[in-house]
Amino acid sequence: MGPAIVRNRIGSRQTCGDAVMIAEFLVRLRFIVFRKKRSEFDDELRFHIE
């Protein structure tokens, strides 16, 4: 019998999907870590509403 788990034999290179997932994770992490102050958020919201 052969191995129960078949692995991708392309190599250890990142695929496009992996790169996109990592980039999206980093963007979300940046927004969590570097939040704007409440007043800055309110000013920006008013700008977009007007």
Protein backbone atom coordinates (compact mmCIF):
# COMPACT_ATOMS: atom_id res chain seq x y z
CA MET A 1 0.00 0.00 0.00
CA GLY A 2 1.04 3.57 -0.60
CA PRO A 3 1.11 6.47 1.82
CA ALA A 4 -2.24 7.53 3.29
CA ILE A 5 -1.48 11.22 2.85
CA VAL A 6 -0.67 12.58 -0.60
CA ARG A 7 1.23 15.87 -0.51
CA ASN A 8 1.56 18.53 -3.15
CA ARG A 9 4.84 17.93 -4.94
CA ILE A 10 5.19 21.44 -6.42
CA GLY A 11 7.67 22.42 -3.73
CA SER A 12 7.81 24.83 -0.86
CA ARG A 13 7.06 27.89 -3.01
CA GLN A 14 4.09 29.98 -1.97
CA THR A 15 1.08 29.79 -4.21
CA CYS A 16 -0.84 32.91 -5.17
CA GLY A 17 -3.64 32.01 -2.76
CA ASP A 18 -1.21 31.74 0.14
CA ALA A 19 0.28 35.15 -0.62
CA VAL A 20 -3.17 36.76 -0.80
CA MET A 21 -4.22 35.16 2.47
CA ILE A 22 -1.06 36.36 4.24
CA ALA A 23 -1.43 39.89 2.81
CA GLU A 24 -5.05 40.09 3.95
CA PHE A 25 -4.09 38.86 7.42
CA LEU A 26 -1.38 41.53 7.69
CA VAL A 27 -3.79 44.28 6.63
CA ARG A 28 -6.33 43.21 9.23
CA LEU A 29 -3.64 42.97 11.90
CA ARG A 30 -2.43 46.47 11.04
CA PHE A 31 -5.96 47.87 11.48
CA ILE A 32 -6.27 46.19 14.87
CA VAL A 33 -2.89 47.40 16.13
CA PHE A 34 -2.93 50.93 14.70
CA ARG A 35 -6.46 52.06 15.42
CA LYS A 36 -7.39 55.68 14.90
CA LYS A 37 -8.49 57.88 17.74
CA ARG A 38 -12.24 58.31 18.10
CA SER A 39 -12.09 61.96 16.97
CA GLU A 40 -10.11 61.06 13.84
CA PHE A 41 -12.66 58.38 13.01
CA ASP A 42 -15.56 60.82 13.48
CA ASP A 43 -13.88 63.44 11.25
CA GLU A 44 -13.28 60.91 8.50
CA LEU A 45 -16.85 59.61 8.73
CA ARG A 46 -18.24 63.16 8.47
CA PHE A 47 -16.05 63.79 5.41
CA HIS A 48 -17.46 60.77 3.60
CA ILE A 49 -21.07 61.52 4.56
CA GLU A 50 -20.90 65.11 3.27
